């Protein structure tokens, strides 16, 4: 059996394989109410039928002005939570686990009436200048993360991921590139980390299951103010001490900056591996991992613990079945009995 398609236990979460559907915004909430639609049931259900071990829903906002766009999911009211419970039950029926990614877009909330951020600096010329958050506003956002986590718990979600990457609010606080505060939420690395620690505490107070966090381990910034890998490793140790069960390692998104090296298959894995070398908790990797052989190599060489598949699963619903053939894994059972030749 391949390692990619073998079982795993991550922070008490039992997975039937090491393939995770990465959160990807679909912009399908046409009513702009944050509620799951029939599209989402079909979209995630297809991946469950094809045996994806864990499905993480797209960025789910903890408050209306925390959405990336008005067509994103939300979890700030019980009507949204009721529909999420129906989706969770559906995915469980189809044999996969499902988690929720909680997020606040901060200065990248393109449709917010007044975007907010650690400091009053816009993401780019195409975005409005945000208001710098006051202490009470920060505390309210932290509380909203906790409330959303409680709704995820009531809906039966198998895990919760805190979005601290891709230039959204928590990432904005973590990076000195975007955080110019001089109070208890800015300045030193420890102070910039404070809101993340408080969000984790709020989530843990309302959700007892596995908690993951997504981080961008490089901002590709050339000004010399971005966090170094040593800084990120220190953050990783704080996350481990806070009870985080997995670090979902990604890169970029804080500014328009791109990698200063040729992008290639698995180009982000080196960042995940460097984090993994410094923490005891599992680390996942993402980014141009279409090739099952490369995924297997990463796992076999202990460069990461899980493979986050994004666009590969959008292009090919049957990616896992094709991976089993590529890896000559005869133990992997694709789909369910209804799809087998003997039933037709």
C-alpha atoms as a PDB file:
ATOM      1  CA  UNK A   1       0.000   0.000   0.000  1.00  0.00           C
ATOM      2  CA  UNK A   2       1.203   3.512  -0.803  1.00  0.00           C
ATOM      3  CA  UNK A   3       1.690   5.938   2.069  1.00  0.00           C
ATOM      4  CA  UNK A   4      -0.395   8.536   0.236  1.00  0.00           C
ATOM      5  CA  UNK A   5      -3.451   6.274   0.276  1.00  0.00           C
ATOM      6  CA  UNK A   6      -2.883   4.743   3.702  1.00  0.00           C
ATOM      7  CA  UNK A   7      -4.686   5.632   6.917  1.00  0.00           C
ATOM      8  CA  UNK A   8      -3.493   8.412   9.198  1.00  0.00           C
ATOM      9  CA  UNK A   9      -4.316   9.742  12.662  1.00  0.00           C
ATOM     10  CA  UNK A  10      -3.801  13.493  12.998  1.00  0.00           C
ATOM     11  CA  UNK A  11      -4.506  14.873  16.450  1.00  0.00           C
ATOM     12  CA  UNK A  12      -7.082  12.179  17.105  1.00  0.00           C
ATOM     13  CA  UNK A  13      -8.701  12.600  13.686  1.00  0.00           C
ATOM     14  CA  UNK A  14      -8.723   9.263  11.869  1.00  0.00           C
ATOM     15  CA  UNK A  15      -8.392   9.627   8.111  1.00  0.00           C
ATOM     16  CA  UNK A  16      -8.738   6.848   5.531  1.00  0.00           C
ATOM     17  CA  UNK A  17      -5.935   8.373   3.442  1.00  0.00           C
ATOM     18  CA  UNK A  18      -3.536  11.314   3.485  1.00  0.00           C
ATOM     19  CA  UNK A  19      -5.229  13.333   0.758  1.00  0.00           C
ATOM     20  CA  UNK A  20      -7.012  16.477   1.957  1.00  0.00           C
ATOM     21  CA  UNK A  21      -9.134  18.735  -0.209  1.00  0.00           C
ATOM     22  CA  UNK A  22      -7.642  22.170   0.326  1.00  0.00           C
ATOM     23  CA  UNK A  23     -10.016  25.082   1.011  1.00  0.00           C
ATOM     24  CA  UNK A  24     -10.765  26.893  -2.241  1.00  0.00           C
ATOM     25  CA  UNK A  25     -13.208  29.769  -2.662  1.00  0.00           C
ATOM     26  CA  UNK A  26     -15.977  28.975  -5.134  1.00  0.00           C
ATOM     27  CA  UNK A  27     -17.887  32.302  -5.000  1.00  0.00           C
ATOM     28  CA  UNK A  28     -21.169  30.428  -5.395  1.00  0.00           C
ATOM     29  CA  UNK A  29     -23.249  32.099  -2.664  1.00  0.00           C
ATOM     30  CA  UNK A  30     -25.288  34.131  -5.130  1.00  0.00           C
ATOM     31  CA  UNK A  31     -27.749  35.319  -2.472  1.00  0.00           C
ATOM     32  CA  UNK A  32     -24.853  36.889  -0.544  1.00  0.00           C
ATOM     33  CA  UNK A  33     -26.169  35.421   2.717  1.00  0.00           C
ATOM     34  CA  UNK A  34     -23.229  33.111   3.512  1.00  0.00           C
ATOM     35  CA  UNK A  35     -25.433  29.997   3.352  1.00  0.00           C
ATOM     36  CA  UNK A  36     -24.343  26.795   1.607  1.00  0.00           C
ATOM     37  CA  UNK A  37     -26.093  26.155  -1.726  1.00  0.00           C
ATOM     38  CA  UNK A  38     -26.921  23.034  -3.778  1.00  0.00           C
ATOM     39  CA  UNK A  39     -23.676  23.695  -5.648  1.00  0.00           C
ATOM     40  CA  UNK A  40     -21.662  23.088  -2.481  1.00  0.00           C
ATOM     41  CA  UNK A  41     -23.457  19.814  -1.728  1.00  0.00           C
ATOM     42  CA  UNK A  42     -22.636  18.552  -5.224  1.00  0.00           C
ATOM     43  CA  UNK A  43     -19.126  20.029  -5.238  1.00  0.00           C
ATOM     44  CA  UNK A  44     -18.001  18.497  -1.943  1.00  0.00           C
ATOM     45  CA  UNK A  45     -20.108  15.368  -2.345  1.00  0.00           C
ATOM     46  CA  UNK A  46     -18.340  14.465  -5.591  1.00  0.00           C
ATOM     47  CA  UNK A  47     -14.989  14.523  -3.797  1.00  0.00           C
ATOM     48  CA  UNK A  48     -16.345  12.416  -0.943  1.00  0.00           C
ATOM     49  CA  UNK A  49     -17.615   9.791  -3.396  1.00  0.00           C
ATOM     50  CA  UNK A  50     -14.145   9.689  -4.944  1.00  0.00           C
ATOM     51  CA  UNK A  51     -12.693   8.866  -1.492  1.00  0.00           C
ATOM     52  CA  UNK A  52     -10.931  12.076  -0.454  1.00  0.00           C
ATOM     53  CA  UNK A  53      -9.964  11.479   3.165  1.00  0.00           C
ATOM     54  CA  UNK A  54     -10.774  14.950   4.482  1.00  0.00           C
ATOM     55  CA  UNK A  55     -12.625  17.822   2.841  1.00  0.00           C
ATOM     56  CA  UNK A  56     -12.093  21.345   4.197  1.00  0.00           C
ATOM     57  CA  UNK A  57     -14.743  23.814   3.125  1.00  0.00           C
ATOM     58  CA  UNK A  58     -13.731  27.052   1.499  1.00  0.00           C
ATOM     59  CA  UNK A  59     -12.946  30.184   3.504  1.00  0.00           C
ATOM     60  CA  UNK A  60     -15.877  30.706   5.883  1.00  0.00           C
ATOM     61  CA  UNK A  61     -16.197  34.181   7.362  1.00  0.00           C
ATOM     62  CA  UNK A  62     -16.782  34.772  11.064  1.00  0.00           C
ATOM     63  CA  UNK A  63     -18.620  38.047  10.370  1.00  0.00           C
ATOM     64  CA  UNK A  64     -20.210  39.695   7.308  1.00  0.00           C
ATOM     65  CA  UNK A  65     -17.450  42.264   6.781  1.00  0.00           C
ATOM     66  CA  UNK A  66     -14.857  39.505   7.161  1.00  0.00           C
ATOM     67  CA  UNK A  67     -15.753  37.926   3.816  1.00  0.00           C
ATOM     68  CA  UNK A  68     -13.312  38.054   0.921  1.00  0.00           C
ATOM     69  CA  UNK A  69     -16.343  38.665  -1.310  1.00  0.00           C
ATOM     70  CA  UNK A  70     -20.078  38.719  -0.667  1.00  0.00           C
ATOM     71  CA  UNK A  71     -20.337  35.384  -2.508  1.00  0.00           C
ATOM     72  CA  UNK A  72     -18.387  33.540   0.204  1.00  0.00           C
ATOM     73  CA  UNK A  73     -19.625  31.256   2.953  1.00  0.00           C
ATOM     74  CA  UNK A  74     -20.252  32.500   6.468  1.00  0.00           C
ATOM     75  CA  UNK A  75     -20.776  31.074   9.931  1.00  0.00           C
ATOM     76  CA  UNK A  76     -21.984  34.077  11.906  1.00  0.00           C
ATOM     77  CA  UNK A  77     -25.599  32.916  12.337  1.00  0.00           C
ATOM     78  CA  UNK A  78     -27.530  29.755  13.108  1.00  0.00           C
ATOM     79  CA  UNK A  79     -29.190  29.513   9.701  1.00  0.00           C
ATOM     80  CA  UNK A  80     -25.735  29.084   8.156  1.00  0.00           C
ATOM     81  CA  UNK A  81     -24.890  26.520  10.833  1.00  0.00           C
ATOM     82  CA  UNK A  82     -28.062  24.504  10.161  1.00  0.00           C
ATOM     83  CA  UNK A  83     -27.153  24.168   6.485  1.00  0.00           C
ATOM     84  CA  UNK A  84     -23.576  23.257   7.432  1.00  0.00           C
ATOM     85  CA  UNK A  85     -24.916  20.450   9.627  1.00  0.00           C
ATOM     86  CA  UNK A  86     -26.800  19.056   6.630  1.00  0.00           C
ATOM     87  CA  UNK A  87     -23.600  19.124   4.560  1.00  0.00           C
ATOM     88  CA  UNK A  88     -21.611  17.441   7.337  1.00  0.00           C
ATOM     89  CA  UNK A  89     -24.198  14.665   7.568  1.00  0.00           C
ATOM     90  CA  UNK A  90     -24.133  14.235   3.788  1.00  0.00           C
ATOM     91  CA  UNK A  91     -20.324  13.985   3.608  1.00  0.00           C
ATOM     92  CA  UNK A  92     -20.246  11.551   6.524  1.00  0.00           C
ATOM     93  CA  UNK A  93     -22.847   9.410   4.757  1.00  0.00           C
ATOM     94  CA  UNK A  94     -20.548   9.321   1.721  1.00  0.00           C
ATOM     95  CA  UNK A  95     -17.634   8.152   3.868  1.00  0.00           C
ATOM     96  CA  UNK A  96     -15.343  11.197   4.210  1.00  0.00           C
ATOM     97  CA  UNK A  97     -14.464  13.566   7.034  1.00  0.00           C
ATOM     98  CA  UNK A  98     -15.209  17.271   6.717  1.00  0.00           C
ATOM     99  CA  UNK A  99     -13.794  20.369   8.376  1.00  0.00           C
ATOM    100  CA  UNK A 100     -14.398  24.125   8.290  1.00  0.00           C
ATOM    101  CA  UNK A 101     -11.871  26.882   7.616  1.00  0.00           C
ATOM    102  CA  UNK A 102     -12.680  29.996   9.664  1.00  0.00           C
ATOM    103  CA  UNK A 103     -11.449  33.325   8.347  1.00  0.00           C
ATOM    104  CA  UNK A 104     -11.546  37.095   8.468  1.00  0.00           C
ATOM    105  CA  UNK A 105     -10.246  38.770   5.326  1.00  0.00           C
ATOM    106  CA  UNK A 106      -9.154  42.027   6.967  1.00  0.00           C
ATOM    107  CA  UNK A 107      -7.899  44.522   4.403  1.00  0.00           C
ATOM    108  CA  UNK A 108      -8.610  41.995   1.607  1.00  0.00           C
ATOM    109  CA  UNK A 109     -12.357  42.073   2.307  1.00  0.00           C
ATOM    110  CA  UNK A 110     -13.127  43.521  -1.096  1.00  0.00           C
ATOM    111  CA  UNK A 111     -16.835  44.129  -0.492  1.00  0.00           C
ATOM    112  CA  UNK A 112     -16.718  45.328   3.121  1.00  0.00           C
ATOM    113  CA  UNK A 113     -18.268  48.735   3.752  1.00  0.00           C
ATOM    114  CA  UNK A 114     -15.135  49.744   5.643  1.00  0.00           C
ATOM    115  CA  UNK A 115     -12.326  47.139   5.577  1.00  0.00           C
ATOM    116  CA  UNK A 116     -10.244  46.788   8.722  1.00  0.00           C
ATOM    117  CA  UNK A 117      -6.657  45.743   9.359  1.00  0.00           C
ATOM    118  CA  UNK A 118      -3.926  45.967  11.983  1.00  0.00           C
ATOM    119  CA  UNK A 119      -2.751  49.202  10.363  1.00  0.00           C
ATOM    120  CA  UNK A 120      -4.136  51.611   7.800  1.00  0.00           C
ATOM    121  CA  UNK A 121      -2.346  50.303   4.707  1.00  0.00           C
ATOM    122  CA  UNK A 122      -4.201  48.961   1.677  1.00  0.00           C
ATOM    123  CA  UNK A 123      -3.339  45.631   0.065  1.00  0.00           C
ATOM    124  CA  UNK A 124      -2.865  47.220  -3.359  1.00  0.00           C
ATOM    125  CA  UNK A 125      -4.121  50.113  -5.473  1.00  0.00           C
ATOM    126  CA  UNK A 126      -7.180  48.017  -6.332  1.00  0.00           C
ATOM    127  CA  UNK A 127      -8.267  47.855  -2.673  1.00  0.00           C
ATOM    128  CA  UNK A 128      -9.580  50.508  -0.316  1.00  0.00           C
ATOM    129  CA  UNK A 129      -7.481  51.793   2.552  1.00  0.00           C
ATOM    130  CA  UNK A 130      -8.612  49.968   5.715  1.00  0.00           C
ATOM    131  CA  UNK A 131      -9.264  51.426   9.133  1.00  0.00           C
ATOM    132  CA  UNK A 132      -6.799  50.361  11.812  1.00  0.00           C
ATOM    133  CA  UNK A 133      -8.621  48.183  14.336  1.00  0.00           C
ATOM    134  CA  UNK A 134      -9.241  49.445  17.842  1.00  0.00           C
ATOM    135  CA  UNK A 135      -8.643  47.146  20.823  1.00  0.00           C
ATOM    136  CA  UNK A 136     -12.418  46.585  21.364  1.00  0.00           C
ATOM    137  CA  UNK A 137     -12.805  45.740  17.668  1.00  0.00           C
ATOM    138  CA  UNK A 138      -9.978  43.198  17.898  1.00  0.00           C
ATOM    139  CA  UNK A 139     -11.619  41.634  20.935  1.00  0.00           C
ATOM    140  CA  UNK A 140     -14.940  41.409  19.067  1.00  0.00           C
ATOM    141  CA  UNK A 141     -13.314  39.635  16.113  1.00  0.00           C
ATOM    142  CA  UNK A 142     -11.641  37.169  18.480  1.00  0.00           C
ATOM    143  CA  UNK A 143     -15.042  36.524  20.082  1.00  0.00           C
ATOM    144  CA  UNK A 144     -16.582  36.015  16.635  1.00  0.00           C
ATOM    145  CA  UNK A 145     -14.020  33.307  15.845  1.00  0.00           C
ATOM    146  CA  UNK A 146     -15.112  31.562  19.031  1.00  0.00           C
ATOM    147  CA  UNK A 147     -18.799  31.850  18.184  1.00  0.00           C
ATOM    148  CA  UNK A 148     -18.207  30.475  14.682  1.00  0.00           C
ATOM    149  CA  UNK A 149     -16.233  27.572  16.158  1.00  0.00           C
ATOM    150  CA  UNK A 150     -19.177  26.769  18.427  1.00  0.00           C
ATOM    151  CA  UNK A 151     -21.484  26.660  15.426  1.00  0.00           C
ATOM    152  CA  UNK A 152     -19.012  24.364  13.650  1.00  0.00           C
ATOM    153  CA  UNK A 153     -19.050  22.106  16.709  1.00  0.00           C
ATOM    154  CA  UNK A 154     -22.851  22.027  16.787  1.00  0.00           C
ATOM    155  CA  UNK A 155     -22.851  21.167  13.075  1.00  0.00           C
ATOM    156  CA  UNK A 156     -20.620  18.142  13.743  1.00  0.00           C
ATOM    157  CA  UNK A 157     -17.510  19.333  11.869  1.00  0.00           C
ATOM    158  CA  UNK A 158     -14.604  16.897  12.243  1.00  0.00           C
ATOM    159  CA  UNK A 159     -12.005  19.658  12.514  1.00  0.00           C
ATOM    160  CA  UNK A 160     -11.630  23.428  12.389  1.00  0.00           C
ATOM    161  CA  UNK A 161      -8.877  25.263  10.537  1.00  0.00           C
ATOM    162  CA  UNK A 162      -7.975  28.826  11.484  1.00  0.00           C
ATOM    163  CA  UNK A 163      -6.907  30.803   8.411  1.00  0.00           C
ATOM    164  CA  UNK A 164      -3.690  32.631   9.250  1.00  0.00           C
ATOM    165  CA  UNK A 165      -2.301  32.770   5.705  1.00  0.00           C
ATOM    166  CA  UNK A 166      -2.666  34.327   2.238  1.00  0.00           C
ATOM    167  CA  UNK A 167      -2.713  37.908   3.438  1.00  0.00           C
ATOM    168  CA  UNK A 168      -5.939  37.733   5.443  1.00  0.00           C
ATOM    169  CA  UNK A 169      -6.421  39.360   8.836  1.00  0.00           C
ATOM    170  CA  UNK A 170      -4.423  37.051  11.122  1.00  0.00           C
ATOM    171  CA  UNK A 171      -1.578  36.943   8.597  1.00  0.00           C
ATOM    172  CA  UNK A 172      -1.713  40.747   8.450  1.00  0.00           C
ATOM    173  CA  UNK A 173      -1.125  40.840  12.204  1.00  0.00           C
ATOM    174  CA  UNK A 174       1.686  38.286  12.106  1.00  0.00           C
ATOM    175  CA  UNK A 175       3.784  40.118   9.509  1.00  0.00           C
ATOM    176  CA  UNK A 176       5.692  43.329  10.174  1.00  0.00           C
ATOM    177  CA  UNK A 177       5.140  44.134   6.498  1.00  0.00           C
ATOM    178  CA  UNK A 178       1.480  44.930   7.231  1.00  0.00           C
ATOM    179  CA  UNK A 179       1.449  45.366  11.024  1.00  0.00           C
ATOM    180  CA  UNK A 180       2.842  48.758  12.060  1.00  0.00           C
ATOM    181  CA  UNK A 181       1.105  48.938  15.447  1.00  0.00           C
ATOM    182  CA  UNK A 182       2.934  50.074  18.572  1.00  0.00           C
ATOM    183  CA  UNK A 183       0.528  48.621  21.157  1.00  0.00           C
ATOM    184  CA  UNK A 184       0.133  45.113  22.606  1.00  0.00           C
ATOM    185  CA  UNK A 185      -0.786  43.753  19.141  1.00  0.00           C
ATOM    186  CA  UNK A 186       2.222  45.091  17.270  1.00  0.00           C
ATOM    187  CA  UNK A 187       5.967  45.548  17.394  1.00  0.00           C
ATOM    188  CA  UNK A 188       7.718  42.375  18.509  1.00  0.00           C
ATOM    189  CA  UNK A 189       6.973  38.974  17.000  1.00  0.00           C
ATOM    190  CA  UNK A 190       5.344  37.871  20.244  1.00  0.00           C
ATOM    191  CA  UNK A 191       3.030  40.890  20.260  1.00  0.00           C
ATOM    192  CA  UNK A 192       2.127  40.398  16.605  1.00  0.00           C
ATOM    193  CA  UNK A 193       1.278  36.782  17.473  1.00  0.00           C
ATOM    194  CA  UNK A 194      -1.020  37.826  20.314  1.00  0.00           C
ATOM    195  CA  UNK A 195      -4.267  37.910  18.324  1.00  0.00           C
ATOM    196  CA  UNK A 196      -3.556  34.426  16.948  1.00  0.00           C
ATOM    197  CA  UNK A 197      -3.072  33.100  20.479  1.00  0.00           C
ATOM    198  CA  UNK A 198      -6.331  34.714  21.556  1.00  0.00           C
ATOM    199  CA  UNK A 199      -8.210  33.319  18.557  1.00  0.00           C
ATOM    200  CA  UNK A 200      -6.901  29.827  19.338  1.00  0.00           C
ATOM    201  CA  UNK A 201      -8.062  30.186  22.944  1.00  0.00           C
ATOM    202  CA  UNK A 202     -11.505  31.355  21.786  1.00  0.00           C
ATOM    203  CA  UNK A 203     -11.826  28.467  19.339  1.00  0.00           C
ATOM    204  CA  UNK A 204     -10.662  25.909  21.921  1.00  0.00           C
ATOM    205  CA  UNK A 205     -13.205  27.249  24.418  1.00  0.00           C
ATOM    206  CA  UNK A 206     -15.996  26.461  21.967  1.00  0.00           C
ATOM    207  CA  UNK A 207     -14.717  23.483  19.998  1.00  0.00           C
ATOM    208  CA  UNK A 208     -13.156  20.328  21.465  1.00  0.00           C
ATOM    209  CA  UNK A 209     -12.090  18.645  18.217  1.00  0.00           C
ATOM    210  CA  UNK A 210      -8.840  18.932  16.250  1.00  0.00           C
ATOM    211  CA  UNK A 211      -7.754  22.491  15.445  1.00  0.00           C
ATOM    212  CA  UNK A 212      -5.425  23.262  12.532  1.00  0.00           C
ATOM    213  CA  UNK A 213      -3.992  26.521  11.293  1.00  0.00           C
ATOM    214  CA  UNK A 214      -2.915  27.606   7.818  1.00  0.00           C
ATOM    215  CA  UNK A 215       0.197  29.787   7.605  1.00  0.00           C
ATOM    216  CA  UNK A 216       2.027  31.488   4.746  1.00  0.00           C
ATOM    217  CA  UNK A 217       5.662  30.708   5.566  1.00  0.00           C
ATOM    218  CA  UNK A 218       7.012  33.314   3.160  1.00  0.00           C
ATOM    219  CA  UNK A 219       5.667  36.683   2.038  1.00  0.00           C
ATOM    220  CA  UNK A 220       8.167  36.848  -0.859  1.00  0.00           C
ATOM    221  CA  UNK A 221       8.873  40.362   0.401  1.00  0.00           C
ATOM    222  CA  UNK A 222      12.056  42.127  -0.686  1.00  0.00           C
ATOM    223  CA  UNK A 223      11.989  45.030   1.791  1.00  0.00           C
ATOM    224  CA  UNK A 224      13.657  43.008   4.535  1.00  0.00           C
ATOM    225  CA  UNK A 225      10.743  43.284   6.962  1.00  0.00           C
ATOM    226  CA  UNK A 226       9.057  39.914   6.402  1.00  0.00           C
ATOM    227  CA  UNK A 227       9.273  37.110   8.967  1.00  0.00           C
ATOM    228  CA  UNK A 228      12.260  34.834   8.527  1.00  0.00           C
ATOM    229  CA  UNK A 229      11.917  31.062   8.644  1.00  0.00           C
ATOM    230  CA  UNK A 230      13.316  31.235  12.182  1.00  0.00           C
ATOM    231  CA  UNK A 231      10.448  33.581  13.058  1.00  0.00           C
ATOM    232  CA  UNK A 232       7.918  31.184  11.563  1.00  0.00           C
ATOM    233  CA  UNK A 233       9.485  28.274  13.420  1.00  0.00           C
ATOM    234  CA  UNK A 234       9.122  30.225  16.665  1.00  0.00           C
ATOM    235  CA  UNK A 235       5.480  30.806  15.797  1.00  0.00           C
ATOM    236  CA  UNK A 236       5.221  27.080  15.099  1.00  0.00           C
ATOM    237  CA  UNK A 237       6.508  26.291  18.594  1.00  0.00           C
ATOM    238  CA  UNK A 238       3.986  28.691  20.104  1.00  0.00           C
ATOM    239  CA  UNK A 239       1.223  27.048  18.082  1.00  0.00           C
ATOM    240  CA  UNK A 240       2.305  23.624  19.271  1.00  0.00           C
ATOM    241  CA  UNK A 241       2.276  24.818  22.890  1.00  0.00           C
ATOM    242  CA  UNK A 242      -1.217  26.282  22.304  1.00  0.00           C
ATOM    243  CA  UNK A 243      -2.559  22.862  21.324  1.00  0.00           C
ATOM    244  CA  UNK A 244      -2.738  23.241  17.547  1.00  0.00           C
ATOM    245  CA  UNK A 245      -2.886  19.769  15.966  1.00  0.00           C
ATOM    246  CA  UNK A 246      -1.447  20.536  12.506  1.00  0.00           C
ATOM    247  CA  UNK A 247       0.212  23.391  10.626  1.00  0.00           C
ATOM    248  CA  UNK A 248      -1.088  23.714   7.082  1.00  0.00           C
ATOM    249  CA  UNK A 249       1.942  25.254   5.350  1.00  0.00           C
ATOM    250  CA  UNK A 250       1.452  27.545   2.377  1.00  0.00           C
ATOM    251  CA  UNK A 251       3.085  30.777   1.182  1.00  0.00           C
ATOM    252  CA  UNK A 252       2.324  34.221  -0.189  1.00  0.00           C
ATOM    253  CA  UNK A 253      -0.737  36.432  -0.425  1.00  0.00           C
ATOM    254  CA  UNK A 254       0.229  39.263   1.910  1.00  0.00           C
ATOM    255  CA  UNK A 255       1.186  41.536  -0.991  1.00  0.00           C
ATOM    256  CA  UNK A 256       1.349  41.218  -4.766  1.00  0.00           C
ATOM    257  CA  UNK A 257       4.903  39.867  -4.481  1.00  0.00           C
ATOM    258  CA  UNK A 258       5.660  36.569  -6.271  1.00  0.00           C
ATOM    259  CA  UNK A 259       8.287  33.889  -5.545  1.00  0.00           C
ATOM    260  CA  UNK A 260      11.809  35.008  -6.381  1.00  0.00           C
ATOM    261  CA  UNK A 261      12.632  31.562  -7.771  1.00  0.00           C
ATOM    262  CA  UNK A 262      11.219  29.436 -10.600  1.00  0.00           C
ATOM    263  CA  UNK A 263       7.874  27.956  -9.595  1.00  0.00           C
ATOM    264  CA  UNK A 264       7.864  24.173 -10.012  1.00  0.00           C
ATOM    265  CA  UNK A 265       5.900  21.130  -8.882  1.00  0.00           C
ATOM    266  CA  UNK A 266       5.926  21.020  -5.098  1.00  0.00           C
ATOM    267  CA  UNK A 267       7.667  24.408  -4.845  1.00  0.00           C
ATOM    268  CA  UNK A 268       6.102  25.147  -1.438  1.00  0.00           C
ATOM    269  CA  UNK A 269       7.069  21.864   0.190  1.00  0.00           C
ATOM    270  CA  UNK A 270      10.512  23.114   1.232  1.00  0.00           C
ATOM    271  CA  UNK A 271       8.814  25.597   3.564  1.00  0.00           C
ATOM    272  CA  UNK A 272       6.649  22.860   5.100  1.00  0.00           C
ATOM    273  CA  UNK A 273       9.722  20.671   5.597  1.00  0.00           C
ATOM    274  CA  UNK A 274      11.633  23.434   7.375  1.00  0.00           C
ATOM    275  CA  UNK A 275       8.694  23.927   9.728  1.00  0.00           C
ATOM    276  CA  UNK A 276       8.353  20.178  10.271  1.00  0.00           C
ATOM    277  CA  UNK A 277      12.001  19.965  11.322  1.00  0.00           C
ATOM    278  CA  UNK A 278      11.328  22.338  14.213  1.00  0.00           C
ATOM    279  CA  UNK A 279       7.964  21.186  15.614  1.00  0.00           C
ATOM    280  CA  UNK A 280       6.614  17.862  16.828  1.00  0.00           C
ATOM    281  CA  UNK A 281       3.098  18.319  15.466  1.00  0.00           C
ATOM    282  CA  UNK A 282       2.213  17.263  11.899  1.00  0.00           C
ATOM    283  CA  UNK A 283       2.666  19.617   8.951  1.00  0.00           C
ATOM    284  CA  UNK A 284       0.868  19.472   5.599  1.00  0.00           C
ATOM    285  CA  UNK A 285       2.026  20.761   2.226  1.00  0.00           C
ATOM    286  CA  UNK A 286       0.263  22.256  -0.786  1.00  0.00           C
ATOM    287  CA  UNK A 287       1.041  23.706  -4.202  1.00  0.00           C
ATOM    288  CA  UNK A 288       1.343  22.095  -7.656  1.00  0.00           C
ATOM    289  CA  UNK A 289       1.151  18.554  -6.285  1.00  0.00           C
ATOM    290  CA  UNK A 290      -0.697  16.991  -9.217  1.00  0.00           C
ATOM    291  CA  UNK A 291       1.829  14.150  -9.580  1.00  0.00           C
ATOM    292  CA  UNK A 292       1.027  11.236  -7.212  1.00  0.00           C
ATOM    293  CA  UNK A 293       4.626  10.044  -7.429  1.00  0.00           C
ATOM    294  CA  UNK A 294       5.862  13.361  -6.079  1.00  0.00           C
ATOM    295  CA  UNK A 295       3.252  13.249  -3.303  1.00  0.00           C
ATOM    296  CA  UNK A 296       4.358   9.747  -2.336  1.00  0.00           C
ATOM    297  CA  UNK A 297       8.022  10.831  -2.368  1.00  0.00           C
ATOM    298  CA  UNK A 298       7.264  13.765  -0.043  1.00  0.00           C
ATOM    299  CA  UNK A 299       5.507  11.513   2.444  1.00  0.00           C
ATOM    300  CA  UNK A 300       8.023   8.669   2.260  1.00  0.00           C
ATOM    301  CA  UNK A 301      10.874  11.107   2.932  1.00  0.00           C
ATOM    302  CA  UNK A 302       9.065  12.702   5.895  1.00  0.00           C
ATOM    303  CA  UNK A 303       8.950  16.127   4.261  1.00  0.00           C
ATOM    304  CA  UNK A 304       5.275  16.492   5.219  1.00  0.00           C
ATOM    305  CA  UNK A 305       2.527  14.436   6.839  1.00  0.00           C
ATOM    306  CA  UNK A 306      -0.472  15.192   4.627  1.00  0.00           C
ATOM    307  CA  UNK A 307      -0.973  16.312   1.039  1.00  0.00           C
ATOM    308  CA  UNK A 308      -3.372  19.209   0.447  1.00  0.00           C
ATOM    309  CA  UNK A 309      -4.823  18.913  -3.040  1.00  0.00           C
ATOM    310  CA  UNK A 310      -6.470  21.957  -4.579  1.00  0.00           C
ATOM    311  CA  UNK A 311      -6.884  22.534  -8.277  1.00  0.00           C
ATOM    312  CA  UNK A 312      -5.901  18.957  -9.077  1.00  0.00           C
ATOM    313  CA  UNK A 313      -9.195  17.875  -7.480  1.00  0.00           C
ATOM    314  CA  UNK A 314     -11.070  20.562  -9.402  1.00  0.00           C
ATOM    315  CA  UNK A 315      -9.654  19.360 -12.710  1.00  0.00           C
ATOM    316  CA  UNK A 316     -10.018  15.655 -11.938  1.00  0.00           C
ATOM    317  CA  UNK A 317     -12.640  14.379  -9.527  1.00  0.00           C
ATOM    318  CA  UNK A 318     -11.111  10.902  -9.863  1.00  0.00           C
ATOM    319  CA  UNK A 319      -7.607  12.017  -8.873  1.00  0.00           C
ATOM    320  CA  UNK A 320      -7.304   9.448  -6.079  1.00  0.00           C
ATOM    321  CA  UNK A 321      -8.317   6.570  -8.327  1.00  0.00           C
ATOM    322  CA  UNK A 322      -5.745   7.656 -10.913  1.00  0.00           C
ATOM    323  CA  UNK A 323      -3.164   8.015  -8.122  1.00  0.00           C
ATOM    324  CA  UNK A 324      -3.805   4.427  -7.032  1.00  0.00           C
ATOM    325  CA  UNK A 325      -3.135   3.200 -10.556  1.00  0.00           C
ATOM    326  CA  UNK A 326       0.012   5.324 -10.837  1.00  0.00           C
ATOM    327  CA  UNK A 327       1.319   4.015  -7.509  1.00  0.00           C
ATOM    328  CA  UNK A 328       0.242   0.398  -8.229  1.00  0.00           C
ATOM    329  CA  UNK A 329      -1.795   0.437  -5.033  1.00  0.00           C
ATOM    330  CA  UNK A 330      -4.221  -2.469  -5.404  1.00  0.00           C
ATOM    331  CA  UNK A 331      -5.590  -2.009  -1.882  1.00  0.00           C
ATOM    332  CA  UNK A 332      -7.225   1.326  -2.637  1.00  0.00           C
ATOM    333  CA  UNK A 333     -10.950   1.032  -3.255  1.00  0.00           C
ATOM    334  CA  UNK A 334     -12.174   3.710  -5.615  1.00  0.00           C
ATOM    335  CA  UNK A 335     -15.715   5.065  -5.264  1.00  0.00           C
ATOM    336  CA  UNK A 336     -18.249   2.705  -3.683  1.00  0.00           C
ATOM    337  CA  UNK A 337     -19.957  -0.540  -4.647  1.00  0.00           C
ATOM    338  CA  UNK A 338     -22.552   1.269  -6.745  1.00  0.00           C
ATOM    339  CA  UNK A 339     -19.838   2.186  -9.251  1.00  0.00           C
ATOM    340  CA  UNK A 340     -18.319  -1.289  -9.564  1.00  0.00           C
ATOM    341  CA  UNK A 341     -18.831  -3.347 -12.717  1.00  0.00           C
ATOM    342  CA  UNK A 342     -20.502  -6.183 -10.793  1.00  0.00           C
ATOM    343  CA  UNK A 343     -23.373  -3.942  -9.725  1.00  0.00           C
ATOM    344  CA  UNK A 344     -24.323  -2.875 -13.265  1.00  0.00           C
END
